[in-house]
N, C-alpha and C. Protein backbone atom coordinates (compact mmCIF):
# COMPACT_ATOMS: atom_id res chain seq x y z
N MET A 1 126.79 87.65 128.02
CA MET A 1 127.67 87.88 126.88
C MET A 1 127.67 89.38 126.54
N MET A 2 128.83 89.92 126.38
CA MET A 2 128.96 91.35 126.08
C MET A 2 128.63 91.60 124.62
N LYS A 3 127.90 92.70 124.39
CA LYS A 3 127.61 93.11 123.03
C LYS A 3 128.85 93.78 122.45
N GLU A 4 129.07 93.60 121.16
CA GLU A 4 130.16 94.28 120.50
C GLU A 4 129.76 95.74 120.31
N LYS A 5 130.57 96.65 120.81
CA LYS A 5 130.25 98.08 120.70
C LYS A 5 130.89 98.64 119.44
N SER A 6 130.06 99.14 118.56
CA SER A 6 130.59 99.73 117.33
C SER A 6 129.96 101.10 117.12
N TYR A 7 129.95 101.90 118.18
CA TYR A 7 129.37 103.23 118.09
C TYR A 7 130.25 104.24 118.82
N SER A 8 130.05 105.49 118.52
CA SER A 8 130.80 106.57 119.16
C SER A 8 129.93 107.25 120.19
N TYR A 9 130.56 107.72 121.23
CA TYR A 9 129.83 108.48 122.24
C TYR A 9 129.59 109.89 121.73
N PRO A 10 128.44 110.47 122.07
CA PRO A 10 128.20 111.87 121.70
C PRO A 10 129.05 112.78 122.59
N LEU A 11 130.02 113.45 121.99
CA LEU A 11 130.92 114.32 122.74
C LEU A 11 130.94 115.71 122.11
N ASN A 12 131.17 116.70 122.94
CA ASN A 12 131.28 118.07 122.49
C ASN A 12 132.76 118.41 122.29
N PRO A 13 133.15 118.83 121.08
CA PRO A 13 134.57 119.12 120.84
C PRO A 13 135.12 120.27 121.69
N ASP A 14 134.23 121.06 122.29
CA ASP A 14 134.66 122.17 123.15
C ASP A 14 135.04 121.71 124.56
N TRP A 15 134.70 120.48 124.91
CA TRP A 15 135.03 119.98 126.24
C TRP A 15 136.53 119.75 126.35
N THR A 16 137.02 119.85 127.58
CA THR A 16 138.42 119.51 127.85
C THR A 16 138.55 117.98 127.82
N PRO A 17 139.77 117.47 127.69
CA PRO A 17 139.94 116.01 127.77
C PRO A 17 139.35 115.41 129.05
N ASP A 18 139.53 116.09 130.17
CA ASP A 18 138.98 115.58 131.44
C ASP A 18 137.45 115.53 131.40
N GLU A 19 136.84 116.55 130.80
CA GLU A 19 135.38 116.57 130.69
C GLU A 19 134.90 115.43 129.79
N MET A 20 135.64 115.18 128.72
CA MET A 20 135.27 114.06 127.83
C MET A 20 135.35 112.74 128.57
N VAL A 21 136.39 112.57 129.37
CA VAL A 21 136.53 111.35 130.17
C VAL A 21 135.36 111.20 131.13
N THR A 22 134.94 112.29 131.74
CA THR A 22 133.80 112.28 132.67
C THR A 22 132.54 111.80 131.96
N VAL A 23 132.28 112.33 130.77
CA VAL A 23 131.09 111.95 130.01
C VAL A 23 131.18 110.49 129.56
N ILE A 24 132.34 110.08 129.09
CA ILE A 24 132.53 108.68 128.67
C ILE A 24 132.34 107.74 129.86
N ASN A 25 132.87 108.12 131.02
CA ASN A 25 132.69 107.29 132.23
C ASN A 25 131.21 107.13 132.57
N PHE A 26 130.44 108.22 132.41
CA PHE A 26 129.00 108.13 132.68
C PHE A 26 128.32 107.18 131.71
N PHE A 27 128.61 107.33 130.41
CA PHE A 27 127.98 106.44 129.43
C PHE A 27 128.42 104.99 129.64
N ASN A 28 129.67 104.78 130.06
CA ASN A 28 130.12 103.42 130.41
C ASN A 28 129.32 102.86 131.57
N ALA A 29 129.00 103.70 132.54
CA ALA A 29 128.21 103.27 133.70
C ALA A 29 126.79 102.90 133.27
N VAL A 30 126.24 103.65 132.31
CA VAL A 30 124.91 103.31 131.77
C VAL A 30 124.98 101.95 131.09
N GLU A 31 126.01 101.74 130.28
CA GLU A 31 126.17 100.44 129.61
C GLU A 31 126.29 99.32 130.64
N ASP A 32 127.08 99.56 131.66
CA ASP A 32 127.25 98.54 132.72
C ASP A 32 125.92 98.20 133.37
N ALA A 33 125.10 99.21 133.62
CA ALA A 33 123.80 98.98 134.26
C ALA A 33 122.94 98.04 133.42
N TYR A 34 123.05 98.13 132.12
CA TYR A 34 122.29 97.26 131.23
C TYR A 34 122.95 95.90 131.05
N GLU A 35 124.27 95.88 130.97
CA GLU A 35 124.97 94.64 130.58
C GLU A 35 125.36 93.75 131.75
N THR A 36 125.92 94.33 132.80
CA THR A 36 126.44 93.51 133.89
C THR A 36 125.96 93.93 135.26
N GLY A 37 125.40 95.13 135.33
CA GLY A 37 125.04 95.70 136.62
C GLY A 37 126.14 96.63 137.09
N CYS A 38 125.80 97.60 137.91
CA CYS A 38 126.82 98.52 138.42
C CYS A 38 126.43 98.98 139.82
N ASP A 39 127.41 99.49 140.52
CA ASP A 39 127.22 100.00 141.87
C ASP A 39 126.38 101.28 141.81
N ARG A 40 125.30 101.32 142.58
CA ARG A 40 124.38 102.45 142.55
C ARG A 40 125.06 103.76 142.93
N ASP A 41 125.82 103.77 144.03
CA ASP A 41 126.46 105.01 144.49
C ASP A 41 127.48 105.51 143.47
N LYS A 42 128.22 104.59 142.89
CA LYS A 42 129.22 104.95 141.88
C LYS A 42 128.51 105.53 140.64
N PHE A 43 127.39 104.92 140.28
CA PHE A 43 126.62 105.42 139.13
C PHE A 43 126.15 106.85 139.39
N MET A 44 125.59 107.10 140.58
CA MET A 44 125.08 108.44 140.90
C MET A 44 126.22 109.46 140.96
N ASP A 45 127.36 109.04 141.40
CA ASP A 45 128.53 109.92 141.42
C ASP A 45 128.92 110.29 139.97
N ASN A 46 128.93 109.29 139.09
CA ASN A 46 129.22 109.54 137.67
C ASN A 46 128.16 110.46 137.07
N TYR A 47 126.91 110.27 137.46
CA TYR A 47 125.82 111.09 136.94
C TYR A 47 125.98 112.55 137.36
N ARG A 48 126.32 112.79 138.64
CA ARG A 48 126.52 114.16 139.12
C ARG A 48 127.67 114.84 138.37
N LYS A 49 128.75 114.13 138.14
CA LYS A 49 129.89 114.68 137.42
C LYS A 49 129.50 114.99 135.96
N PHE A 50 128.73 114.07 135.36
CA PHE A 50 128.22 114.27 134.00
C PHE A 50 127.37 115.54 133.93
N GLN A 51 126.48 115.72 134.90
CA GLN A 51 125.63 116.92 134.94
C GLN A 51 126.47 118.19 135.04
N ASN A 52 127.54 118.14 135.81
CA ASN A 52 128.42 119.32 135.95
C ASN A 52 129.08 119.67 134.62
N VAL A 53 129.47 118.67 133.86
CA VAL A 53 130.11 118.92 132.56
C VAL A 53 129.09 119.48 131.58
N VAL A 54 127.93 118.84 131.50
CA VAL A 54 126.92 119.22 130.50
C VAL A 54 126.31 120.58 130.85
N GLY A 55 125.98 120.78 132.10
CA GLY A 55 125.57 122.09 132.56
C GLY A 55 124.10 122.46 132.39
N SER A 56 123.34 121.71 131.62
CA SER A 56 121.91 122.04 131.46
C SER A 56 121.09 120.78 131.25
N LYS A 57 119.84 120.84 131.69
CA LYS A 57 118.92 119.71 131.50
C LYS A 57 118.72 119.44 130.01
N MET A 58 118.61 120.52 129.22
CA MET A 58 118.39 120.36 127.79
C MET A 58 119.59 119.66 127.13
N GLY A 59 120.80 120.08 127.50
CA GLY A 59 122.00 119.45 126.96
C GLY A 59 122.09 117.99 127.37
N GLU A 60 121.71 117.73 128.61
CA GLU A 60 121.73 116.36 129.14
C GLU A 60 120.78 115.47 128.33
N LYS A 61 119.57 115.99 128.09
CA LYS A 61 118.58 115.21 127.35
C LYS A 61 119.02 114.98 125.90
N GLN A 62 119.63 116.00 125.31
CA GLN A 62 120.10 115.86 123.92
C GLN A 62 121.18 114.79 123.82
N LEU A 63 122.16 114.84 124.72
CA LEU A 63 123.21 113.82 124.72
C LEU A 63 122.62 112.45 125.00
N GLY A 64 121.66 112.40 125.91
CA GLY A 64 121.00 111.13 126.23
C GLY A 64 120.30 110.54 125.03
N ARG A 65 119.63 111.38 124.26
CA ARG A 65 118.96 110.91 123.03
C ARG A 65 119.97 110.39 122.02
N GLU A 66 121.05 111.16 121.84
CA GLU A 66 122.09 110.75 120.89
C GLU A 66 122.70 109.42 121.31
N PHE A 67 122.95 109.27 122.62
CA PHE A 67 123.52 108.03 123.12
C PHE A 67 122.56 106.86 122.92
N LYS A 68 121.28 107.10 123.19
CA LYS A 68 120.28 106.04 123.01
C LYS A 68 120.17 105.64 121.54
N ASP A 69 120.24 106.62 120.64
CA ASP A 69 120.17 106.33 119.21
C ASP A 69 121.30 105.41 118.76
N VAL A 70 122.51 105.61 119.29
CA VAL A 70 123.64 104.79 118.85
C VAL A 70 123.80 103.50 119.65
N SER A 71 123.35 103.52 120.92
CA SER A 71 123.61 102.35 121.78
C SER A 71 122.37 101.53 122.09
N GLY A 72 121.20 102.17 122.04
CA GLY A 72 119.97 101.50 122.46
C GLY A 72 119.73 101.59 123.96
N TYR A 73 120.63 102.23 124.69
CA TYR A 73 120.53 102.33 126.14
C TYR A 73 119.98 103.69 126.55
N ASP A 74 119.00 103.68 127.44
CA ASP A 74 118.34 104.90 127.88
C ASP A 74 118.89 105.31 129.25
N TYR A 75 119.73 106.34 129.26
CA TYR A 75 120.36 106.77 130.51
C TYR A 75 119.31 107.18 131.54
N TYR A 76 118.22 107.78 131.07
CA TYR A 76 117.20 108.30 131.99
C TYR A 76 116.55 107.17 132.79
N GLN A 77 116.33 106.03 132.16
CA GLN A 77 115.75 104.89 132.88
C GLN A 77 116.68 104.40 133.98
N VAL A 78 117.98 104.44 133.72
CA VAL A 78 118.95 104.02 134.75
C VAL A 78 118.96 105.04 135.89
N VAL A 79 118.91 106.33 135.55
CA VAL A 79 118.88 107.37 136.58
C VAL A 79 117.64 107.21 137.45
N LYS A 80 116.48 106.98 136.80
CA LYS A 80 115.24 106.78 137.56
C LYS A 80 115.35 105.59 138.50
N LEU A 81 115.90 104.48 138.00
CA LEU A 81 116.08 103.30 138.84
C LEU A 81 117.01 103.61 140.01
N ALA A 82 118.10 104.29 139.73
CA ALA A 82 119.08 104.62 140.78
C ALA A 82 118.46 105.51 141.85
N GLN A 83 117.62 106.46 141.43
CA GLN A 83 117.01 107.38 142.39
C GLN A 83 115.92 106.73 143.22
N SER A 84 115.27 105.71 142.67
CA SER A 84 114.15 105.11 143.38
C SER A 84 114.52 103.81 144.10
N SER A 85 115.72 103.32 143.86
CA SER A 85 116.11 102.02 144.42
C SER A 85 116.98 102.20 145.66
N SER A 86 116.83 101.28 146.57
CA SER A 86 117.73 101.26 147.73
C SER A 86 118.74 100.13 147.56
N GLN A 87 118.65 99.42 146.44
CA GLN A 87 119.61 98.34 146.15
C GLN A 87 121.00 98.90 145.96
N LYS A 88 122.01 98.14 146.36
CA LYS A 88 123.40 98.57 146.21
C LYS A 88 123.83 98.45 144.75
N LYS A 89 123.28 97.46 144.05
CA LYS A 89 123.67 97.22 142.67
C LYS A 89 122.49 97.49 141.74
N LEU A 90 122.75 98.20 140.65
CA LEU A 90 121.73 98.48 139.64
C LEU A 90 121.89 97.50 138.50
N LYS A 91 120.78 96.94 138.04
CA LYS A 91 120.82 96.08 136.87
C LYS A 91 119.51 96.26 136.13
N MET A 92 119.62 96.77 134.91
CA MET A 92 118.44 96.98 134.08
C MET A 92 118.01 95.61 133.52
N VAL A 93 116.72 95.38 133.55
CA VAL A 93 116.18 94.14 132.97
C VAL A 93 115.37 94.50 131.75
N GLY A 94 115.30 93.55 130.80
CA GLY A 94 114.62 93.73 129.52
C GLY A 94 113.61 94.84 129.40
N ASP A 95 113.20 95.14 128.18
CA ASP A 95 112.25 96.23 127.94
C ASP A 95 110.87 95.89 128.41
């Protein structure tokens, strides 16, 4: 069952519309990894594009914290799973 999403994504108003879409796509992929599962390669592709937009590890971590605060989803745990797994599909399981 899908959770009702009633939160906003952390976005930088200085980003272009395309950059905002890239960041939203990444956060959607994180949600998918928790809710329904997602394709590992597609997730990593979204992550690389997200990193290009954000541009720094510190910025990445800050956005990740903000996203976790509003959604409860930890992007870093999904990234770790994606990097260490050889599975085609990523699916986060309970805490």
